[in-house]
């Protein structure tokens, strides 16, 4: 069962990586996730961005509605995780610079 589960997760990652535009991503995630799941993921990403900018937990909680426990988990992932948040945030910064020129 574990191998099948891992294969399913890998297939999910490959599907996401194959999407080329924000519209394709929006359509995919709106089909696969509930509205509340999307909101939760986006709040965590906002918390990661704010943490990387040095914003304190209380302000992040006030702006995102996340608990400090969730913010702490996001912070732990930033510091000790697989650099997923940091990679995504850095790619977004590069994308924003490209479009602001």
PDB file of N, CA and C in Angstrom:
ATOM      1  N   UNK A   1       0.818  -1.200   0.000  1.00  0.00           N
ATOM      2  CA  UNK A   1       0.000   0.000   0.000  1.00  0.00           C
ATOM      3  C   UNK A   1       0.861   1.263   0.000  1.00  0.00           C
ATOM      4  N   UNK A   2       1.967   1.251   0.749  1.00  0.00           N
ATOM      5  CA  UNK A   2       2.819   2.427   0.833  1.00  0.00           C
ATOM      6  C   UNK A   2       3.392   2.787  -0.530  1.00  0.00           C
ATOM      7  N   UNK A   3       3.844   1.810  -1.317  1.00  0.00           N
ATOM      8  CA  UNK A   3       4.394   2.108  -2.645  1.00  0.00           C
ATOM      9  C   UNK A   3       3.356   2.746  -3.541  1.00  0.00           C
ATOM     10  N   UNK A   4       2.132   2.247  -3.511  1.00  0.00           N
ATOM     11  CA  UNK A   4       1.053   2.822  -4.314  1.00  0.00           C
ATOM     12  C   UNK A   4       0.800   4.262  -3.884  1.00  0.00           C
ATOM     13  N   UNK A   5       0.811   4.481  -2.568  1.00  0.00           N
ATOM     14  CA  UNK A   5       0.611   5.840  -2.040  1.00  0.00           C
ATOM     15  C   UNK A   5       1.721   6.765  -2.521  1.00  0.00           C
ATOM     16  N   UNK A   6       2.966   6.314  -2.428  1.00  0.00           N
ATOM     17  CA  UNK A   6       4.093   7.112  -2.887  1.00  0.00           C
ATOM     18  C   UNK A   6       4.007   7.383  -4.382  1.00  0.00           C
ATOM     19  N   UNK A   7       3.583   6.406  -5.144  1.00  0.00           N
ATOM     20  CA  UNK A   7       3.428   6.594  -6.591  1.00  0.00           C
ATOM     21  C   UNK A   7       2.351   7.631  -6.877  1.00  0.00           C
ATOM     22  N   UNK A   8       1.269   7.601  -6.115  1.00  0.00           N
ATOM     23  CA  UNK A   8       0.201   8.588  -6.291  1.00  0.00           C
ATOM     24  C   UNK A   8       0.688   9.996  -5.987  1.00  0.00           C
ATOM     25  N   UNK A   9       1.472  10.122  -4.936  1.00  0.00           N
ATOM     26  CA  UNK A   9       2.007  11.434  -4.579  1.00  0.00           C
ATOM     27  C   UNK A   9       2.974  11.918  -5.648  1.00  0.00           C
ATOM     28  N   UNK A  10       3.837  11.052  -6.119  1.00  0.00           N
ATOM     29  CA  UNK A  10       4.775  11.424  -7.186  1.00  0.00           C
ATOM     30  C   UNK A  10       4.022  11.842  -8.446  1.00  0.00           C
ATOM     31  N   UNK A  11       2.943  11.137  -8.762  1.00  0.00           N
ATOM     32  CA  UNK A  11       2.126  11.505  -9.919  1.00  0.00           C
ATOM     33  C   UNK A  11       1.529  12.896  -9.730  1.00  0.00           C
ATOM     34  N   UNK A  12       1.067  13.178  -8.513  1.00  0.00           N
ATOM     35  CA  UNK A  12       0.537  14.514  -8.205  1.00  0.00           C
ATOM     36  C   UNK A  12       1.596  15.583  -8.446  1.00  0.00           C
ATOM     37  N   UNK A  13       2.805  15.369  -7.922  1.00  0.00           N
ATOM     38  CA  UNK A  13       3.886  16.340  -8.109  1.00  0.00           C
ATOM     39  C   UNK A  13       4.183  16.554  -9.591  1.00  0.00           C
ATOM     40  N   UNK A  14       4.225  15.484 -10.339  1.00  0.00           N
ATOM     41  CA  UNK A  14       4.509  15.587 -11.771  1.00  0.00           C
ATOM     42  C   UNK A  14       3.398  16.336 -12.501  1.00  0.00           C
ATOM     43  N   UNK A  15       2.163  16.102 -12.113  1.00  0.00           N
ATOM     44  CA  UNK A  15       1.039  16.829 -12.718  1.00  0.00           C
ATOM     45  C   UNK A  15       1.171  18.319 -12.449  1.00  0.00           C
ATOM     46  N   UNK A  16       1.463  18.673 -11.208  1.00  0.00           N
ATOM     47  CA  UNK A  16       1.610  20.087 -10.859  1.00  0.00           C
ATOM     48  C   UNK A  16       2.768  20.702 -11.637  1.00  0.00           C
ATOM     49  N   UNK A  17       3.886  19.986 -11.700  1.00  0.00           N
ATOM     50  CA  UNK A  17       5.056  20.509 -12.411  1.00  0.00           C
ATOM     51  C   UNK A  17       4.800  20.675 -13.904  1.00  0.00           C
ATOM     52  N   UNK A  18       3.853  19.927 -14.452  1.00  0.00           N
ATOM     53  CA  UNK A  18       3.571  20.016 -15.885  1.00  0.00           C
ATOM     54  C   UNK A  18       2.723  21.235 -16.248  1.00  0.00           C
ATOM     55  N   UNK A  19       2.087  21.843 -15.260  1.00  0.00           N
ATOM     56  CA  UNK A  19       1.244  23.007 -15.522  1.00  0.00           C
ATOM     57  C   UNK A  19       2.121  24.200 -15.867  1.00  0.00           C
ATOM     58  N   UNK A  20       1.701  24.973 -16.851  1.00  0.00           N
ATOM     59  CA  UNK A  20       2.573  26.021 -17.373  1.00  0.00           C
ATOM     60  C   UNK A  20       2.142  27.445 -17.054  1.00  0.00           C
ATOM     61  N   UNK A  21       0.891  27.655 -16.748  1.00  0.00           N
ATOM     62  CA  UNK A  21       0.425  29.022 -16.503  1.00  0.00           C
ATOM     63  C   UNK A  21      -0.327  29.101 -15.174  1.00  0.00           C
ATOM     64  N   UNK A  22      -0.460  30.329 -14.684  1.00  0.00           N
ATOM     65  CA  UNK A  22      -1.235  30.537 -13.461  1.00  0.00           C
ATOM     66  C   UNK A  22      -2.679  30.090 -13.669  1.00  0.00           C
ATOM     67  N   UNK A  23      -3.203  30.314 -14.860  1.00  0.00           N
ATOM     68  CA  UNK A  23      -4.587  29.894 -15.137  1.00  0.00           C
ATOM     69  C   UNK A  23      -4.725  28.376 -15.069  1.00  0.00           C
ATOM     70  N   UNK A  24      -3.756  27.651 -15.642  1.00  0.00           N
ATOM     71  CA  UNK A  24      -3.796  26.188 -15.562  1.00  0.00           C
ATOM     72  C   UNK A  24      -3.723  25.731 -14.107  1.00  0.00           C
ATOM     73  N   UNK A  25      -2.860  26.370 -13.329  1.00  0.00           N
ATOM     74  CA  UNK A  25      -2.750  26.033 -11.909  1.00  0.00           C
ATOM     75  C   UNK A  25      -4.035  26.337 -11.166  1.00  0.00           C
ATOM     76  N   UNK A  26      -4.610  27.503 -11.432  1.00  0.00           N
ATOM     77  CA  UNK A  26      -5.869  27.882 -10.788  1.00  0.00           C
ATOM     78  C   UNK A  26      -6.944  26.847 -11.083  1.00  0.00           C
ATOM     79  N   UNK A  27      -7.094  26.490 -12.346  1.00  0.00           N
ATOM     80  CA  UNK A  27      -8.119  25.519 -12.732  1.00  0.00           C
ATOM     81  C   UNK A  27      -7.891  24.171 -12.051  1.00  0.00           C
ATOM     82  N   UNK A  28      -6.637  23.718 -12.028  1.00  0.00           N
ATOM     83  CA  UNK A  28      -6.303  22.438 -11.402  1.00  0.00           C
ATOM     84  C   UNK A  28      -6.613  22.470  -9.909  1.00  0.00           C
ATOM     85  N   UNK A  29      -6.085  23.485  -9.206  1.00  0.00           N
ATOM     86  CA  UNK A  29      -6.264  23.531  -7.757  1.00  0.00           C
ATOM     87  C   UNK A  29      -7.715  23.771  -7.359  1.00  0.00           C
ATOM     88  N   UNK A  30      -8.467  24.525  -8.153  1.00  0.00           N
ATOM     89  CA  UNK A  30      -9.881  24.717  -7.839  1.00  0.00           C
ATOM     90  C   UNK A  30     -10.674  23.432  -8.040  1.00  0.00           C
ATOM     91  N   UNK A  31     -10.204  22.569  -8.940  1.00  0.00           N
ATOM     92  CA  UNK A  31     -10.852  21.271  -9.124  1.00  0.00           C
ATOM     93  C   UNK A  31     -10.463  20.277  -8.032  1.00  0.00           C
ATOM     94  N   UNK A  32      -9.210  20.296  -7.622  1.00  0.00           N
ATOM     95  CA  UNK A  32      -8.713  19.247  -6.728  1.00  0.00           C
ATOM     96  C   UNK A  32      -8.867  19.584  -5.245  1.00  0.00           C
ATOM     97  N   UNK A  33      -8.932  20.873  -4.911  1.00  0.00           N
ATOM     98  CA  UNK A  33      -9.022  21.304  -3.513  1.00  0.00           C
ATOM     99  C   UNK A  33     -10.360  21.987  -3.241  1.00  0.00           C
ATOM    100  N   UNK A  34     -10.762  21.911  -1.976  1.00  0.00           N
ATOM    101  CA  UNK A  34     -11.923  22.688  -1.571  1.00  0.00           C
ATOM    102  C   UNK A  34     -11.491  24.143  -1.404  1.00  0.00           C
ATOM    103  N   UNK A  35     -12.436  25.037  -1.341  1.00  0.00           N
ATOM    104  CA  UNK A  35     -12.132  26.457  -1.137  1.00  0.00           C
ATOM    105  C   UNK A  35     -11.366  26.659   0.168  1.00  0.00           C
ATOM    106  N   UNK A  36     -11.779  25.969   1.228  1.00  0.00           N
ATOM    107  CA  UNK A  36     -11.102  26.137   2.514  1.00  0.00           C
ATOM    108  C   UNK A  36      -9.678  25.576   2.475  1.00  0.00           C
ATOM    109  N   UNK A  37      -9.442  24.508   1.738  1.00  0.00           N
ATOM    110  CA  UNK A  37      -8.082  23.982   1.587  1.00  0.00           C
ATOM    111  C   UNK A  37      -7.189  24.990   0.867  1.00  0.00           C
ATOM    112  N   UNK A  38      -7.711  25.592  -0.192  1.00  0.00           N
ATOM    113  CA  UNK A  38      -6.944  26.611  -0.919  1.00  0.00           C
ATOM    114  C   UNK A  38      -6.639  27.809  -0.035  1.00  0.00           C
ATOM    115  N   UNK A  39      -7.618  28.231   0.749  1.00  0.00           N
ATOM    116  CA  UNK A  39      -7.403  29.362   1.642  1.00  0.00           C
ATOM    117  C   UNK A  39      -6.335  29.038   2.681  1.00  0.00           C
ATOM    118  N   UNK A  40      -6.368  27.833   3.221  1.00  0.00           N
ATOM    119  CA  UNK A  40      -5.378  27.423   4.228  1.00  0.00           C
ATOM    120  C   UNK A  40      -3.976  27.382   3.620  1.00  0.00           C
ATOM    121  N   UNK A  41      -3.831  26.795   2.449  1.00  0.00           N
ATOM    122  CA  UNK A  41      -2.528  26.737   1.783  1.00  0.00           C
ATOM    123  C   UNK A  41      -2.022  28.148   1.501  1.00  0.00           C
ATOM    124  N   UNK A  42      -2.894  29.007   1.011  1.00  0.00           N
ATOM    125  CA  UNK A  42      -2.462  30.370   0.682  1.00  0.00           C
ATOM    126  C   UNK A  42      -2.092  31.158   1.929  1.00  0.00           C
ATOM    127  N   UNK A  43      -2.790  30.924   3.046  1.00  0.00           N
ATOM    128  CA  UNK A  43      -2.437  31.598   4.299  1.00  0.00           C
ATOM    129  C   UNK A  43      -1.066  31.138   4.797  1.00  0.00           C
ATOM    130  N   UNK A  44      -0.782  29.851   4.650  1.00  0.00           N
ATOM    131  CA  UNK A  44       0.534  29.339   5.062  1.00  0.00           C
ATOM    132  C   UNK A  44       1.638  29.934   4.195  1.00  0.00           C
ATOM    133  N   UNK A  45       1.378  30.058   2.914  1.00  0.00           N
ATOM    134  CA  UNK A  45       2.376  30.651   2.028  1.00  0.00           C
ATOM    135  C   UNK A  45       2.596  32.127   2.368  1.00  0.00           C
ATOM    136  N   UNK A  46       1.515  32.828   2.683  1.00  0.00           N
ATOM    137  CA  UNK A  46       1.652  34.230   3.100  1.00  0.00           C
ATOM    138  C   UNK A  46       2.461  34.316   4.388  1.00  0.00           C
ATOM    139  N   UNK A  47       2.210  33.402   5.319  1.00  0.00           N
ATOM    140  CA  UNK A  47       2.979  33.375   6.566  1.00  0.00           C
ATOM    141  C   UNK A  47       4.456  33.132   6.270  1.00  0.00           C
ATOM    142  N   UNK A  48       4.756  32.239   5.359  1.00  0.00           N
ATOM    143  CA  UNK A  48       6.151  31.965   4.994  1.00  0.00           C
ATOM    144  C   UNK A  48       6.806  33.214   4.426  1.00  0.00           C
ATOM    145  N   UNK A  49       6.082  33.921   3.575  1.00  0.00           N
ATOM    146  CA  UNK A  49       6.620  35.152   2.994  1.00  0.00           C
ATOM    147  C   UNK A  49       6.879  36.181   4.090  1.00  0.00           C
ATOM    148  N   UNK A  50       5.932  36.324   4.999  1.00  0.00           N
ATOM    149  CA  UNK A  50       6.083  37.297   6.079  1.00  0.00           C
ATOM    150  C   UNK A  50       7.225  36.905   7.023  1.00  0.00           C
ATOM    151  N   UNK A  51       7.348  35.611   7.330  1.00  0.00           N
ATOM    152  CA  UNK A  51       8.449  35.151   8.175  1.00  0.00           C
ATOM    153  C   UNK A  51       9.785  35.445   7.517  1.00  0.00           C
ATOM    154  N   UNK A  52       9.857  35.226   6.218  1.00  0.00           N
ATOM    155  CA  UNK A  52      11.118  35.484   5.503  1.00  0.00           C
ATOM    156  C   UNK A  52      11.457  36.968   5.477  1.00  0.00           C
ATOM    157  N   UNK A  53      10.440  37.812   5.689  1.00  0.00           N
ATOM    158  CA  UNK A  53      10.645  39.265   5.741  1.00  0.00           C
ATOM    159  C   UNK A  53      10.860  39.764   7.174  1.00  0.00           C
ATOM    160  N   UNK A  54      10.861  38.840   8.146  1.00  0.00           N
ATOM    161  CA  UNK A  54      11.125  39.205   9.533  1.00  0.00           C
ATOM    162  C   UNK A  54       9.929  39.680  10.330  1.00  0.00           C
ATOM    163  N   UNK A  55       8.722  39.445   9.828  1.00  0.00           N
ATOM    164  CA  UNK A  55       7.515  39.864  10.539  1.00  0.00           C
ATOM    165  C   UNK A  55       7.299  38.947  11.752  1.00  0.00           C
ATOM    166  N   UNK A  56       6.851  39.510  12.860  1.00  0.00           N
ATOM    167  CA  UNK A  56       6.649  38.742  14.090  1.00  0.00           C
ATOM    168  C   UNK A  56       5.351  37.927  14.024  1.00  0.00           C
ATOM    169  N   UNK A  57       5.327  36.856  14.821  1.00  0.00           N
ATOM    170  CA  UNK A  57       4.194  35.932  14.836  1.00  0.00           C
ATOM    171  C   UNK A  57       2.858  36.626  15.054  1.00  0.00           C
ATOM    172  N   UNK A  58       2.803  37.543  16.015  1.00  0.00           N
ATOM    173  CA  UNK A  58       1.530  38.198  16.340  1.00  0.00           C
ATOM    174  C   UNK A  58       0.967  38.933  15.128  1.00  0.00           C
ATOM    175  N   UNK A  59       1.820  39.600  14.383  1.00  0.00           N
ATOM    176  CA  UNK A  59       1.368  40.325  13.188  1.00  0.00           C
ATOM    177  C   UNK A  59       0.934  39.348  12.101  1.00  0.00           C
ATOM    178  N   UNK A  60       1.676  38.258  11.955  1.00  0.00           N
ATOM    179  CA  UNK A  60       1.306  37.240  10.955  1.00  0.00           C
ATOM    180  C   UNK A  60      -0.049  36.646  11.313  1.00  0.00           C
ATOM    181  N   UNK A  61      -0.238  36.329  12.583  1.00  0.00           N
ATOM    182  CA  UNK A  61      -1.517  35.766  13.035  1.00  0.00           C
ATOM    183  C   UNK A  61      -2.657  36.745  12.765  1.00  0.00           C
ATOM    184  N   UNK A  62      -2.419  38.017  13.033  1.00  0.00           N
ATOM    185  CA  UNK A  62      -3.451  39.035  12.825  1.00  0.00           C
ATOM    186  C   UNK A  62      -3.806  39.162  11.342  1.00  0.00           C
ATOM    187  N   UNK A  63      -2.813  39.101  10.476  1.00  0.00           N
ATOM    188  CA  UNK A  63      -3.061  39.292   9.046  1.00  0.00           C
ATOM    189  C   UNK A  63      -3.576  38.043   8.339  1.00  0.00           C
ATOM    190  N   UNK A  64      -3.215  36.857   8.846  1.00  0.00           N
ATOM    191  CA  UNK A  64      -3.582  35.619   8.139  1.00  0.00           C
ATOM    192  C   UNK A  64      -4.706  34.841   8.801  1.00  0.00           C
ATOM    193  N   UNK A  65      -4.892  35.055  10.099  1.00  0.00           N
ATOM    194  CA  UNK A  65      -5.865  34.263  10.828  1.00  0.00           C
ATOM    195  C   UNK A  65      -5.331  32.902  11.236  1.00  0.00           C
ATOM    196  N   UNK A  66      -4.046  32.646  10.980  1.00  0.00           N
ATOM    197  CA  UNK A  66      -3.436  31.379  11.377  1.00  0.00           C
ATOM    198  C   UNK A  66      -3.131  31.393  12.866  1.00  0.00           C
ATOM    199  N   UNK A  67      -3.138  30.220  13.476  1.00  0.00           N
ATOM    200  CA  UNK A  67      -2.727  30.109  14.869  1.00  0.00           C
ATOM    201  C   UNK A  67      -1.209  30.241  14.949  1.00  0.00           C
ATOM    202  N   UNK A  68      -0.724  30.604  16.125  1.00  0.00           N
ATOM    203  CA  UNK A  68       0.726  30.686  16.287  1.00  0.00           C
ATOM    204  C   UNK A  68       1.364  29.301  16.157  1.00  0.00           C
ATOM    205  N   UNK A  69       0.631  28.238  16.469  1.00  0.00           N
ATOM    206  CA  UNK A  69       1.157  26.878  16.293  1.00  0.00           C
ATOM    207  C   UNK A  69       1.393  26.588  14.811  1.00  0.00           C
ATOM    208  N   UNK A  70       0.465  27.000  13.961  1.00  0.00           N
ATOM    209  CA  UNK A  70       0.635  26.797  12.521  1.00  0.00           C
ATOM    210  C   UNK A  70       1.775  27.659  11.995  1.00  0.00           C
ATOM    211  N   UNK A  71       1.859  28.880  12.462  1.00  0.00           N
ATOM    212  CA  UNK A  71       2.947  29.759  12.040  1.00  0.00           C
ATOM    213  C   UNK A  71       4.285  29.157  12.467  1.00  0.00           C
ATOM    214  N   UNK A  72       4.327  28.598  13.661  1.00  0.00           N
ATOM    215  CA  UNK A  72       5.538  27.949  14.151  1.00  0.00           C
ATOM    216  C   UNK A  72       5.909  26.761  13.258  1.00  0.00           C
ATOM    217  N   UNK A  73       4.925  26.015  12.829  1.00  0.00           N
ATOM    218  CA  UNK A  73       5.182  24.884  11.930  1.00  0.00           C
ATOM    219  C   UNK A  73       5.744  25.369  10.605  1.00  0.00           C
ATOM    220  N   UNK A  74       5.178  26.424  10.055  1.00  0.00           N
ATOM    221  CA  UNK A  74       5.685  26.998   8.810  1.00  0.00           C
ATOM    222  C   UNK A  74       7.130  27.456   9.014  1.00  0.00           C
ATOM    223  N   UNK A  75       7.386  28.114  10.131  1.00  0.00           N
ATOM    224  CA  UNK A  75       8.732  28.592  10.432  1.00  0.00           C
ATOM    225  C   UNK A  75       9.709  27.424  10.545  1.00  0.00           C
ATOM    226  N   UNK A  76       9.274  26.350  11.170  1.00  0.00           N
ATOM    227  CA  UNK A  76      10.117  25.158  11.295  1.00  0.00           C
ATOM    228  C   UNK A  76      10.441  24.597   9.909  1.00  0.00           C
ATOM    229  N   UNK A  77       9.463  24.572   9.030  1.00  0.00           N
ATOM    230  CA  UNK A  77       9.690  24.092   7.658  1.00  0.00           C
ATOM    231  C   UNK A  77      10.680  24.992   6.919  1.00  0.00           C
ATOM    232  N   UNK A  78      10.574  26.285   7.140  1.00  0.00           N
ATOM    233  CA  UNK A  78      11.506  27.221   6.495  1.00  0.00           C
ATOM    234  C   UNK A  78      12.927  26.959   6.983  1.00  0.00           C
ATOM    235  N   UNK A  79      13.080  26.764   8.277  1.00  0.00           N
ATOM    236  CA  UNK A  79      14.420  26.595   8.848  1.00  0.00           C
ATOM    237  C   UNK A  79      14.997  25.201   8.643  1.00  0.00           C
ATOM    238  N   UNK A  80      14.162  24.155   8.747  1.00  0.00           N
ATOM    239  CA  UNK A  80      14.684  22.796   8.785  1.00  0.00           C
ATOM    240  C   UNK A  80      14.079  21.867   7.736  1.00  0.00           C
ATOM    241  N   UNK A  81      13.219  22.394   6.902  1.00  0.00           N
ATOM    242  CA  UNK A  81      12.531  21.556   5.924  1.00  0.00           C
ATOM    243  C   UNK A  81      13.322  21.361   4.645  1.00  0.00           C
ATOM    244  N   UNK A  82      12.616  21.146   3.576  1.00  0.00           N
ATOM    245  CA  UNK A  82      13.206  20.852   2.267  1.00  0.00           C
ATOM    246  C   UNK A  82      13.403  22.087   1.397  1.00  0.00           C
ATOM    247  N   UNK A  83      13.272  23.263   1.992  1.00  0.00           N
ATOM    248  CA  UNK A  83      13.417  24.541   1.299  1.00  0.00           C
ATOM    249  C   UNK A  83      12.333  24.792   0.255  1.00  0.00           C
ATOM    250  N   UNK A  84      11.213  24.116   0.400  1.00  0.00           N
ATOM    251  CA  UNK A  84      10.108  24.294  -0.544  1.00  0.00           C
ATOM    252  C   UNK A  84       9.538  25.701  -0.520  1.00  0.00           C
ATOM    253  N   UNK A  85       9.261  26.194   0.683  1.00  0.00           N
ATOM    254  CA  UNK A  85       8.739  27.561   0.788  1.00  0.00           C
ATOM    255  C   UNK A  85       9.742  28.558   0.210  1.00  0.00           C
ATOM    256  N   UNK A  86      11.009  28.420   0.617  1.00  0.00           N
ATOM    257  CA  UNK A  86      12.025  29.381   0.188  1.00  0.00           C
ATOM    258  C   UNK A  86      12.238  29.349  -1.319  1.00  0.00           C
ATOM    259  N   UNK A  87      12.228  28.162  -1.890  1.00  0.00           N
ATOM    260  CA  UNK A  87      12.380  28.040  -3.343  1.00  0.00           C
ATOM    261  C   UNK A  87      11.232  28.724  -4.063  1.00  0.00           C
ATOM    262  N   UNK A  88      10.016  28.446  -3.611  1.00  0.00           N
ATOM    263  CA  UNK A  88       8.839  29.051  -4.248  1.00  0.00           C
ATOM    264  C   UNK A  88       8.855  30.567  -4.107  1.00  0.00           C
ATOM    265  N   UNK A  89       9.201  31.059  -2.924  1.00  0.00           N
ATOM    266  CA  UNK A  89       9.234  32.504  -2.701  1.00  0.00           C
ATOM    267  C   UNK A  89      10.314  33.173  -3.540  1.00  0.00           C
ATOM    268  N   UNK A  90      11.465  32.540  -3.641  1.00  0.00           N
ATOM    269  CA  UNK A  90      12.551  33.099  -4.452  1.00  0.00           C
ATOM    270  C   UNK A  90      12.151  33.129  -5.928  1.00  0.00           C
ATOM    271  N   UNK A  91      11.514  32.079  -6.400  1.00  0.00           N
ATOM    272  CA  UNK A  91      11.067  32.053  -7.800  1.00  0.00           C
ATOM    273  C   UNK A  91      10.028  33.141  -8.057  1.00  0.00           C
ATOM    274  N   UNK A  92       9.164  33.391  -7.077  1.00  0.00           N
ATOM    275  CA  UNK A  92       8.171  34.453  -7.234  1.00  0.00           C
ATOM    276  C   UNK A  92       8.845  35.820  -7.291  1.00  0.00           C
ATOM    277  N   UNK A  93       9.857  36.036  -6.459  1.00  0.00           N
ATOM    278  CA  UNK A  93      10.592  37.308  -6.497  1.00  0.00           C
ATOM    279  C   UNK A  93      11.220  37.521  -7.873  1.00  0.00           C
ATOM    280  N   UNK A  94      11.825  36.479  -8.414  1.00  0.00           N
ATOM    281  CA  UNK A  94      12.438  36.575  -9.737  1.00  0.00           C
ATOM    282  C   UNK A  94      11.386  36.860 -10.806  1.00  0.00           C
ATOM    283  N   UNK A  95      10.247  36.212 -10.697  1.00  0.00           N
ATOM    284  CA  UNK A  95       9.144  36.411 -11.643  1.00  0.00           C
ATOM    285  C   UNK A  95       8.626  37.845 -11.569  1.00  0.00           C
ATOM    286  N   UNK A  96       8.469  38.358 -10.356  1.00  0.00           N
ATOM    287  CA  UNK A  96       7.983  39.732 -10.171  1.00  0.00           C
ATOM    288  C   UNK A  96       8.978  40.742 -10.735  1.00  0.00           C
ATOM    289  N   UNK A  97      10.275  40.496 -10.539  1.00  0.00           N
ATOM    290  CA  UNK A  97      11.303  41.385 -11.098  1.00  0.00           C
ATOM    291  C   UNK A  97      11.239  41.372 -12.612  1.00  0.00           C
ATOM    292  N   UNK A  98      11.040  40.192 -13.188  1.00  0.00           N
ATOM    293  CA  UNK A  98      10.975  40.057 -14.643  1.00  0.00           C
ATOM    294  C   UNK A  98       9.815  40.864 -15.206  1.00  0.00           C
ATOM    295  N   UNK A  99       8.683  40.842 -14.523  1.00  0.00           N
ATOM    296  CA  UNK A  99       7.485  41.525 -15.021  1.00  0.00           C
ATOM    297  C   UNK A  99       7.458  43.007 -14.677  1.00  0.00           C
ATOM    298  N   UNK A 100       8.312  43.428 -13.753  1.00  0.00           N
ATOM    299  CA  UNK A 100       8.326  44.856 -13.398  1.00  0.00           C
ATOM    300  C   UNK A 100       9.256  45.665 -14.296  1.00  0.00           C
ATOM    301  N   UNK A 101       9.990  44.996 -15.148  1.00  0.00           N
ATOM    302  CA  UNK A 101      10.922  45.698 -16.042  1.00  0.00           C
ATOM    303  C   UNK A 101      10.248  46.187 -17.291  1.00  0.00           C
TER     304      UNK A 101
END
